[in-house]
Amino acid sequence: MQYNAADKYLRMLRAYGVLERINTDNGNSISNTDARDAAEEFFNQCYHFKDWIKKDASIRVDQDVEEFINFSSAMQLAADYCNSLKACRFG
């Protein structure tokens, strides 16, 4: 499998766009399930973006990606959210 971090980044932006539309354009027409699914997808894309950065052969990373993530409160939030979902599904 090829890991293209730019493609993953664009997927992450599309997931964010869905959240933006839910927040601004739906009024009462969006279900709680749809909103939860959109939030889960966005955080999932954010969290797994780090793996794609590490595996994309075209990117030379001078800094430890995991260390960078650990010092980013936004990425820690995404990691905690994704890990809590994984624990619920498989635990």
PDB file of N, CA and C in Angstrom:
ATOM      1  N   MET A   1       0.829  -1.181   0.000  1.00  0.00           N
ATOM      2  CA  MET A   1       0.000   0.000   0.000  1.00  0.00           C
ATOM      3  C   MET A   1       0.873   1.244   0.000  1.00  0.00           C
ATOM      4  N   GLN A   2       0.508   2.193  -0.812  1.00  0.00           N
ATOM      5  CA  GLN A   2       1.226   3.462  -0.828  1.00  0.00           C
ATOM      6  C   GLN A   2       0.596   4.409   0.180  1.00  0.00           C
ATOM      7  N   TYR A   3       1.429   5.130   0.893  1.00  0.00           N
ATOM      8  CA  TYR A   3       0.968   6.097   1.879  1.00  0.00           C
ATOM      9  C   TYR A   3       1.279   7.490   1.365  1.00  0.00           C
ATOM     10  N   ASN A   4       0.261   8.180   0.924  1.00  0.00           N
ATOM     11  CA  ASN A   4       0.420   9.540   0.432  1.00  0.00           C
ATOM     12  C   ASN A   4      -0.200  10.467   1.472  1.00  0.00           C
ATOM     13  N   ALA A   5       0.649  11.118   2.259  1.00  0.00           N
ATOM     14  CA  ALA A   5       0.174  11.968   3.345  1.00  0.00           C
ATOM     15  C   ALA A   5      -0.659  13.135   2.830  1.00  0.00           C
ATOM     16  N   ALA A   6      -0.365  13.631   1.633  1.00  0.00           N
ATOM     17  CA  ALA A   6      -1.150  14.735   1.079  1.00  0.00           C
ATOM     18  C   ALA A   6      -2.595  14.298   0.838  1.00  0.00           C
ATOM     19  N   ASP A   7      -2.786  13.081   0.351  1.00  0.00           N
ATOM     20  CA  ASP A   7      -4.147  12.564   0.152  1.00  0.00           C
ATOM     21  C   ASP A   7      -4.865  12.412   1.491  1.00  0.00           C
ATOM     22  N   LYS A   8      -4.171  11.907   2.481  1.00  0.00           N
ATOM     23  CA  LYS A   8      -4.760  11.736   3.810  1.00  0.00           C
ATOM     24  C   LYS A   8      -5.125  13.083   4.409  1.00  0.00           C
ATOM     25  N   TYR A   9      -4.275  14.075   4.194  1.00  0.00           N
ATOM     26  CA  TYR A   9      -4.550  15.424   4.691  1.00  0.00           C
ATOM     27  C   TYR A   9      -5.825  15.976   4.046  1.00  0.00           C
ATOM     28  N   LEU A  10      -5.968  15.782   2.741  1.00  0.00           N
ATOM     29  CA  LEU A  10      -7.172  16.251   2.055  1.00  0.00           C
ATOM     30  C   LEU A  10      -8.413  15.519   2.571  1.00  0.00           C
ATOM     31  N   ARG A  11      -8.286  14.240   2.862  1.00  0.00           N
ATOM     32  CA  ARG A  11      -9.403  13.483   3.433  1.00  0.00           C
ATOM     33  C   ARG A  11      -9.783  14.055   4.803  1.00  0.00           C
ATOM     34  N   MET A  12      -8.772  14.429   5.574  1.00  0.00           N
ATOM     35  CA  MET A  12      -9.011  15.037   6.878  1.00  0.00           C
ATOM     36  C   MET A  12      -9.759  16.368   6.719  1.00  0.00           C
ATOM     37  N   LEU A  13      -9.363  17.169   5.733  1.00  0.00           N
ATOM     38  CA  LEU A  13     -10.047  18.434   5.480  1.00  0.00           C
ATOM     39  C   LEU A  13     -11.492  18.225   5.033  1.00  0.00           C
ATOM     40  N   ARG A  14     -11.739  17.191   4.226  1.00  0.00           N
ATOM     41  CA  ARG A  14     -13.115  16.890   3.812  1.00  0.00           C
ATOM     42  C   ARG A  14     -13.961  16.498   5.018  1.00  0.00           C
ATOM     43  N   ALA A  15     -13.391  15.722   5.926  1.00  0.00           N
ATOM     44  CA  ALA A  15     -14.114  15.327   7.139  1.00  0.00           C
ATOM     45  C   ALA A  15     -14.429  16.558   7.990  1.00  0.00           C
ATOM     46  N   TYR A  16     -13.493  17.491   8.048  1.00  0.00           N
ATOM     47  CA  TYR A  16     -13.736  18.733   8.776  1.00  0.00           C
ATOM     48  C   TYR A  16     -14.842  19.543   8.098  1.00  0.00           C
ATOM     49  N   GLY A  17     -14.848  19.549   6.781  1.00  0.00           N
ATOM     50  CA  GLY A  17     -15.888  20.258   6.036  1.00  0.00           C
ATOM     51  C   GLY A  17     -17.275  19.731   6.356  1.00  0.00           C
ATOM     52  N   VAL A  18     -17.393  18.420   6.540  1.00  0.00           N
ATOM     53  CA  VAL A  18     -18.686  17.830   6.922  1.00  0.00           C
ATOM     54  C   VAL A  18     -19.109  18.374   8.291  1.00  0.00           C
ATOM     55  N   LEU A  19     -18.178  18.438   9.231  1.00  0.00           N
ATOM     56  CA  LEU A  19     -18.500  18.986  10.552  1.00  0.00           C
ATOM     57  C   LEU A  19     -18.911  20.449  10.450  1.00  0.00           C
ATOM     58  N   GLU A  20     -18.217  21.202   9.629  1.00  0.00           N
ATOM     59  CA  GLU A  20     -18.574  22.615   9.437  1.00  0.00           C
ATOM     60  C   GLU A  20     -19.988  22.753   8.896  1.00  0.00           C
ATOM     61  N   ARG A  21     -20.332  21.937   7.903  1.00  0.00           N
ATOM     62  CA  ARG A  21     -21.680  21.997   7.331  1.00  0.00           C
ATOM     63  C   ARG A  21     -22.732  21.601   8.363  1.00  0.00           C
ATOM     64  N   ILE A  22     -22.447  20.593   9.160  1.00  0.00           N
ATOM     65  CA  ILE A  22     -23.386  20.195  10.206  1.00  0.00           C
ATOM     66  C   ILE A  22     -23.599  21.348  11.178  1.00  0.00           C
ATOM     67  N   ASN A  23     -22.542  22.030  11.516  1.00  0.00           N
ATOM     68  CA  ASN A  23     -22.606  23.123  12.478  1.00  0.00           C
ATOM     69  C   ASN A  23     -23.364  24.334  11.940  1.00  0.00           C
ATOM     70  N   THR A  24     -23.272  24.596  10.664  1.00  0.00           N
ATOM     71  CA  THR A  24     -23.813  25.857  10.132  1.00  0.00           C
ATOM     72  C   THR A  24     -25.036  25.711   9.248  1.00  0.00           C
ATOM     73  N   ASP A  25     -25.248  24.559   8.624  1.00  0.00           N
ATOM     74  CA  ASP A  25     -26.261  24.480   7.574  1.00  0.00           C
ATOM     75  C   ASP A  25     -27.437  23.553   7.842  1.00  0.00           C
ATOM     76  N   ASN A  26     -27.471  22.847   8.945  1.00  0.00           N
ATOM     77  CA  ASN A  26     -28.466  21.789   9.073  1.00  0.00           C
ATOM     78  C   ASN A  26     -29.635  22.077   9.994  1.00  0.00           C
ATOM     79  N   GLY A  27     -29.507  23.022  10.883  1.00  0.00           N
ATOM     80  CA  GLY A  27     -30.610  23.281  11.790  1.00  0.00           C
ATOM     81  C   GLY A  27     -31.054  22.010  12.479  1.00  0.00           C
ATOM     82  N   ASN A  28     -32.317  21.679  12.367  1.00  0.00           N
ATOM     83  CA  ASN A  28     -32.869  20.485  13.011  1.00  0.00           C
ATOM     84  C   ASN A  28     -32.854  19.267  12.100  1.00  0.00           C
ATOM     85  N   SER A  29     -32.269  19.383  10.916  1.00  0.00           N
ATOM     86  CA  SER A  29     -32.346  18.281   9.953  1.00  0.00           C
ATOM     87  C   SER A  29     -31.252  17.228  10.127  1.00  0.00           C
ATOM     88  N   ILE A  30     -30.355  17.401  11.072  1.00  0.00           N
ATOM     89  CA  ILE A  30     -29.273  16.440  11.271  1.00  0.00           C
ATOM     90  C   ILE A  30     -29.567  15.610  12.518  1.00  0.00           C
ATOM     91  N   SER A  31     -29.358  14.332  12.402  1.00  0.00           N
ATOM     92  CA  SER A  31     -29.595  13.463  13.567  1.00  0.00           C
ATOM     93  C   SER A  31     -28.364  13.441  14.464  1.00  0.00           C
ATOM     94  N   ASN A  32     -28.571  13.054  15.709  1.00  0.00           N
ATOM     95  CA  ASN A  32     -27.438  12.903  16.630  1.00  0.00           C
ATOM     96  C   ASN A  32     -26.460  11.856  16.116  1.00  0.00           C
ATOM     97  N   THR A  33     -26.986  10.819  15.490  1.00  0.00           N
ATOM     98  CA  THR A  33     -26.134   9.756  14.947  1.00  0.00           C
ATOM     99  C   THR A  33     -25.247  10.287  13.838  1.00  0.00           C
ATOM    100  N   ASP A  34     -25.809  11.082  12.941  1.00  0.00           N
ATOM    101  CA  ASP A  34     -25.008  11.654  11.851  1.00  0.00           C
ATOM    102  C   ASP A  34     -23.919  12.579  12.391  1.00  0.00           C
ATOM    103  N   ALA A  35     -24.264  13.393  13.361  1.00  0.00           N
ATOM    104  CA  ALA A  35     -23.282  14.302  13.958  1.00  0.00           C
ATOM    105  C   ALA A  35     -22.179  13.522  14.660  1.00  0.00           C
ATOM    106  N   ARG A  36     -22.547  12.484  15.402  1.00  0.00           N
ATOM    107  CA  ARG A  36     -21.544  11.656  16.097  1.00  0.00           C
ATOM    108  C   ARG A  36     -20.633  10.961  15.094  1.00  0.00           C
ATOM    109  N   ASP A  37     -21.233  10.414  14.024  1.00  0.00           N
ATOM    110  CA  ASP A  37     -20.432   9.737  12.997  1.00  0.00           C
ATOM    111  C   ASP A  37     -19.455  10.706  12.337  1.00  0.00           C
ATOM    112  N   ALA A  38     -19.910  11.926  12.070  1.00  0.00           N
ATOM    113  CA  ALA A  38     -19.034  12.926  11.440  1.00  0.00           C
ATOM    114  C   ALA A  38     -17.892  13.310  12.368  1.00  0.00           C
ATOM    115  N   ALA A  39     -18.187  13.476  13.653  1.00  0.00           N
ATOM    116  CA  ALA A  39     -17.132  13.816  14.617  1.00  0.00           C
ATOM    117  C   ALA A  39     -16.124  12.683  14.723  1.00  0.00           C
ATOM    118  N   GLU A  40     -16.636  11.446  14.796  1.00  0.00           N
ATOM    119  CA  GLU A  40     -15.745  10.291  14.887  1.00  0.00           C
ATOM    120  C   GLU A  40     -14.845  10.203  13.652  1.00  0.00           C
ATOM    121  N   GLU A  41     -15.408  10.406  12.483  1.00  0.00           N
ATOM    122  CA  GLU A  41     -14.618  10.342  11.245  1.00  0.00           C
ATOM    123  C   GLU A  41     -13.528  11.412  11.231  1.00  0.00           C
ATOM    124  N   PHE A  42     -13.872  12.636  11.637  1.00  0.00           N
ATOM    125  CA  PHE A  42     -12.877  13.706  11.646  1.00  0.00           C
ATOM    126  C   PHE A  42     -11.726  13.379  12.596  1.00  0.00           C
ATOM    127  N   PHE A  43     -12.041  13.002  13.828  1.00  0.00           N
ATOM    128  CA  PHE A  43     -10.975  12.702  14.784  1.00  0.00           C
ATOM    129  C   PHE A  43     -10.155  11.495  14.356  1.00  0.00           C
ATOM    130  N   ASN A  44     -10.798  10.534  13.739  1.00  0.00           N
ATOM    131  CA  ASN A  44     -10.088   9.372  13.216  1.00  0.00           C
ATOM    132  C   ASN A  44      -9.090   9.791  12.140  1.00  0.00           C
ATOM    133  N   GLN A  45      -9.519  10.631  11.230  1.00  0.00           N
ATOM    134  CA  GLN A  45      -8.629  11.104  10.163  1.00  0.00           C
ATOM    135  C   GLN A  45      -7.458  11.889  10.752  1.00  0.00           C
ATOM    136  N   CYS A  46      -7.736  12.742  11.739  1.00  0.00           N
ATOM    137  CA  CYS A  46      -6.668  13.525  12.381  1.00  0.00           C
ATOM    138  C   CYS A  46      -5.646  12.614  13.040  1.00  0.00           C
ATOM    139  N   TYR A  47      -6.132  11.667  13.805  1.00  0.00           N
ATOM    140  CA  TYR A  47      -5.241  10.807  14.565  1.00  0.00           C
ATOM    141  C   TYR A  47      -4.372   9.948  13.654  1.00  0.00           C
ATOM    142  N   HIS A  48      -4.949   9.411  12.602  1.00  0.00           N
ATOM    143  CA  HIS A  48      -4.195   8.509  11.738  1.00  0.00           C
ATOM    144  C   HIS A  48      -3.330   9.236  10.714  1.00  0.00           C
ATOM    145  N   PHE A  49      -3.490  10.542  10.608  1.00  0.00           N
ATOM    146  CA  PHE A  49      -2.641  11.324   9.714  1.00  0.00           C
ATOM    147  C   PHE A  49      -1.169  11.164  10.083  1.00  0.00           C
ATOM    148  N   LYS A  50      -0.881  11.059  11.362  1.00  0.00           N
ATOM    149  CA  LYS A  50       0.511  10.896  11.814  1.00  0.00           C
ATOM    150  C   LYS A  50       1.150   9.632  11.240  1.00  0.00           C
ATOM    151  N   ASP A  51       0.365   8.560  11.165  1.00  0.00           N
ATOM    152  CA  ASP A  51       0.899   7.312  10.615  1.00  0.00           C
ATOM    153  C   ASP A  51       1.250   7.463   9.144  1.00  0.00           C
ATOM    154  N   TRP A  52       0.426   8.207   8.430  1.00  0.00           N
ATOM    155  CA  TRP A  52       0.674   8.422   7.004  1.00  0.00           C
ATOM    156  C   TRP A  52       1.905   9.301   6.799  1.00  0.00           C
ATOM    157  N   ILE A  53       2.105  10.269   7.666  1.00  0.00           N
ATOM    158  CA  ILE A  53       3.312  11.100   7.581  1.00  0.00           C
ATOM    159  C   ILE A  53       4.546  10.222   7.760  1.00  0.00           C
ATOM    160  N   LYS A  54       4.495   9.336   8.747  1.00  0.00           N
ATOM    161  CA  LYS A  54       5.653   8.477   9.020  1.00  0.00           C
ATOM    162  C   LYS A  54       5.921   7.489   7.887  1.00  0.00           C
ATOM    163  N   LYS A  55       4.869   7.060   7.182  1.00  0.00           N
ATOM    164  CA  LYS A  55       5.034   6.026   6.160  1.00  0.00           C
ATOM    165  C   LYS A  55       5.163   6.561   4.739  1.00  0.00           C
ATOM    166  N   ASP A  56       4.926   7.840   4.541  1.00  0.00           N
ATOM    167  CA  ASP A  56       5.035   8.424   3.202  1.00  0.00           C
ATOM    168  C   ASP A  56       6.510   8.552   2.843  1.00  0.00           C
ATOM    169  N   ALA A  57       6.941   7.792   1.860  1.00  0.00           N
ATOM    170  CA  ALA A  57       8.354   7.757   1.474  1.00  0.00           C
ATOM    171  C   ALA A  57       8.862   9.093   0.937  1.00  0.00           C
ATOM    172  N   SER A  58       7.957   9.957   0.494  1.00  0.00           N
ATOM    173  CA  SER A  58       8.380  11.233  -0.067  1.00  0.00           C
ATOM    174  C   SER A  58       8.628  12.293   1.006  1.00  0.00           C
ATOM    175  N   ILE A  59       8.301  11.979   2.246  1.00  0.00           N
ATOM    176  CA  ILE A  59       8.470  12.947   3.334  1.00  0.00           C
ATOM    177  C   ILE A  59       9.653  12.535   4.193  1.00  0.00           C
ATOM    178  N   ARG A  60      10.546  13.464   4.386  1.00  0.00           N
ATOM    179  CA  ARG A  60      11.670  13.251   5.293  1.00  0.00           C
ATOM    180  C   ARG A  60      11.342  13.982   6.583  1.00  0.00           C
ATOM    181  N   VAL A  61      11.182  13.244   7.650  1.00  0.00           N
ATOM    182  CA  VAL A  61      10.805  13.819   8.932  1.00  0.00           C
ATOM    183  C   VAL A  61      12.046  13.955   9.796  1.00  0.00           C
ATOM    184  N   ASP A  62      12.361  15.211  10.180  1.00  0.00           N
ATOM    185  CA  ASP A  62      13.523  15.465  11.021  1.00  0.00           C
ATOM    186  C   ASP A  62      13.205  15.368  12.508  1.00  0.00           C
ATOM    187  N   GLN A  63      11.930  15.311  12.818  1.00  0.00           N
ATOM    188  CA  GLN A  63      11.501  15.284  14.213  1.00  0.00           C
ATOM    189  C   GLN A  63      10.693  14.018  14.446  1.00  0.00           C
ATOM    190  N   ASP A  64      10.762  13.489  15.642  1.00  0.00           N
ATOM    191  CA  ASP A  64       9.972  12.316  15.996  1.00  0.00           C
ATOM    192  C   ASP A  64       8.496  12.705  15.968  1.00  0.00           C
ATOM    193  N   VAL A  65       7.744  12.092  15.071  1.00  0.00           N
ATOM    194  CA  VAL A  65       6.334  12.427  14.892  1.00  0.00           C
ATOM    195  C   VAL A  65       5.553  12.132  16.166  1.00  0.00           C
ATOM    196  N   GLU A  66       5.808  10.993  16.798  1.00  0.00           N
ATOM    197  CA  GLU A  66       5.108  10.649  18.028  1.00  0.00           C
ATOM    198  C   GLU A  66       5.366  11.686  19.122  1.00  0.00           C
ATOM    199  N   GLU A  67       6.599  12.141  19.217  1.00  0.00           N
ATOM    200  CA  GLU A  67       6.942  13.151  20.223  1.00  0.00           C
ATOM    201  C   GLU A  67       6.193  14.445  19.939  1.00  0.00           C
ATOM    202  N   PHE A  68       6.119  14.829  18.676  1.00  0.00           N
ATOM    203  CA  PHE A  68       5.389  16.042  18.303  1.00  0.00           C
ATOM    204  C   PHE A  68       3.915  15.915  18.692  1.00  0.00           C
ATOM    205  N   ILE A  69       3.321  14.764  18.402  1.00  0.00           N
ATOM    206  CA  ILE A  69       1.914  14.518  18.724  1.00  0.00           C
ATOM    207  C   ILE A  69       1.696  14.602  20.233  1.00  0.00           C
ATOM    208  N   ASN A  70       2.608  14.028  20.989  1.00  0.00           N
ATOM    209  CA  ASN A  70       2.472  14.015  22.445  1.00  0.00           C
ATOM    210  C   ASN A  70       2.521  15.411  23.059  1.00  0.00           C
ATOM    211  N   PHE A  71       3.125  16.364  22.362  1.00  0.00           N
ATOM    212  CA  PHE A  71       3.196  17.733  22.868  1.00  0.00           C
ATOM    213  C   PHE A  71       2.158  18.659  22.238  1.00  0.00           C
ATOM    214  N   SER A  72       1.253  18.097  21.457  1.00  0.00           N
ATOM    215  CA  SER A  72       0.178  18.872  20.837  1.00  0.00           C
ATOM    216  C   SER A  72      -1.137  18.542  21.541  1.00  0.00           C
ATOM    217  N   SER A  73      -1.724  19.527  22.201  1.00  0.00           N
ATOM    218  CA  SER A  73      -2.966  19.255  22.932  1.00  0.00           C
ATOM    219  C   SER A  73      -4.095  18.846  21.986  1.00  0.00           C
ATOM    220  N   ALA A  74      -4.128  19.413  20.784  1.00  0.00           N
ATOM    221  CA  ALA A  74      -5.164  19.039  19.815  1.00  0.00           C
ATOM    222  C   ALA A  74      -4.997  17.592  19.373  1.00  0.00           C
ATOM    223  N   MET A  75      -3.766  17.178  19.118  1.00  0.00           N
ATOM    224  CA  MET A  75      -3.540  15.798  18.688  1.00  0.00           C
ATOM    225  C   MET A  75      -3.729  14.820  19.850  1.00  0.00           C
ATOM    226  N   GLN A  76      -3.417  15.246  21.059  1.00  0.00           N
ATOM    227  CA  GLN A  76      -3.676  14.392  22.215  1.00  0.00           C
ATOM    228  C   GLN A  76      -5.180  14.166  22.368  1.00  0.00           C
ATOM    229  N   LEU A  77      -5.966  15.204  22.126  1.00  0.00           N
ATOM    230  CA  LEU A  77      -7.419  15.078  22.191  1.00  0.00           C
ATOM    231  C   LEU A  77      -7.917  14.076  21.144  1.00  0.00           C
ATOM    232  N   ALA A  78      -7.406  14.199  19.925  1.00  0.00           N
ATOM    233  CA  ALA A  78      -7.792  13.263  18.863  1.00  0.00           C
ATOM    234  C   ALA A  78      -7.391  11.833  19.238  1.00  0.00           C
ATOM    235  N   ALA A  79      -6.201  11.666  19.772  1.00  0.00           N
ATOM    236  CA  ALA A  79      -5.736  10.331  20.163  1.00  0.00           C
ATOM    237  C   ALA A  79      -6.607   9.760  21.274  1.00  0.00           C
ATOM    238  N   ASP A  80      -6.900  10.564  22.283  1.00  0.00           N
ATOM    239  CA  ASP A  80      -7.737  10.090  23.389  1.00  0.00           C
ATOM    240  C   ASP A  80      -9.120   9.697  22.892  1.00  0.00           C
ATOM    241  N   TYR A  81      -9.690  10.512  22.023  1.00  0.00           N
ATOM    242  CA  TYR A  81     -11.018  10.233  21.487  1.00  0.00           C
ATOM    243  C   TYR A  81     -11.010   8.923  20.693  1.00  0.00           C
ATOM    244  N   CYS A  82     -10.050   8.776  19.799  1.00  0.00           N
ATOM    245  CA  CYS A  82      -9.968   7.560  18.980  1.00  0.00           C
ATOM    246  C   CYS A  82      -9.704   6.328  19.830  1.00  0.00           C
ATOM    247  N   ASN A  83      -8.824   6.447  20.790  1.00  0.00           N
ATOM    248  CA  ASN A  83      -8.523   5.308  21.651  1.00  0.00           C
ATOM    249  C   ASN A  83      -9.722   4.919  22.511  1.00  0.00           C
ATOM    250  N   SER A  84     -10.517   5.898  22.938  1.00  0.00           N
ATOM    251  CA  SER A  84     -11.701   5.577  23.743  1.00  0.00           C
ATOM    252  C   SER A  84     -12.729   4.844  22.878  1.00  0.00           C
ATOM    253  N   LEU A  85     -12.837   5.220  21.605  1.00  0.00           N
ATOM    254  CA  LEU A  85     -13.760   4.538  20.714  1.00  0.00           C
ATOM    255  C   LEU A  85     -13.311   3.101  20.462  1.00  0.00           C
ATOM    256  N   LYS A  86     -12.011   2.937  20.279  1.00  0.00           N
ATOM    257  CA  LYS A  86     -11.458   1.601  20.039  1.00  0.00           C
ATOM    258  C   LYS A  86     -11.708   0.704  21.249  1.00  0.00           C
ATOM    259  N   ALA A  87     -11.548   1.249  22.429  1.00  0.00           N
ATOM    260  CA  ALA A  87     -11.745   0.476  23.649  1.00  0.00           C
ATOM    261  C   ALA A  87     -13.210   0.059  23.783  1.00  0.00           C
ATOM    262  N   CYS A  88     -14.111   0.923  23.381  1.00  0.00           N
ATOM    263  CA  CYS A  88     -15.539   0.588  23.459  1.00  0.00           C
ATOM    264  C   CYS A  88     -15.916  -0.491  22.464  1.00  0.00           C
ATOM    265  N   ARG A  89     -15.326  -0.438  21.299  1.00  0.00           N
ATOM    266  CA  ARG A  89     -15.685  -1.393  20.258  1.00  0.00           C
ATOM    267  C   ARG A  89     -15.099  -2.769  20.509  1.00  0.00           C
ATOM    268  N   PHE A  90     -13.873  -2.812  20.989  1.00  0.00           N
ATOM    269  CA  PHE A  90     -13.168  -4.082  21.089  1.00  0.00           C
ATOM    270  C   PHE A  90     -12.939  -4.538  22.520  1.00  0.00           C
ATOM    271  N   GLY A  91     -13.256  -3.693  23.480  1.00  0.00           N
ATOM    272  CA  GLY A  91     -12.941  -4.012  24.868  1.00  0.00           C
ATOM    273  C   GLY A  91     -14.003  -4.816  25.564  1.00  0.00           C
TER     274      GLY A  91
END
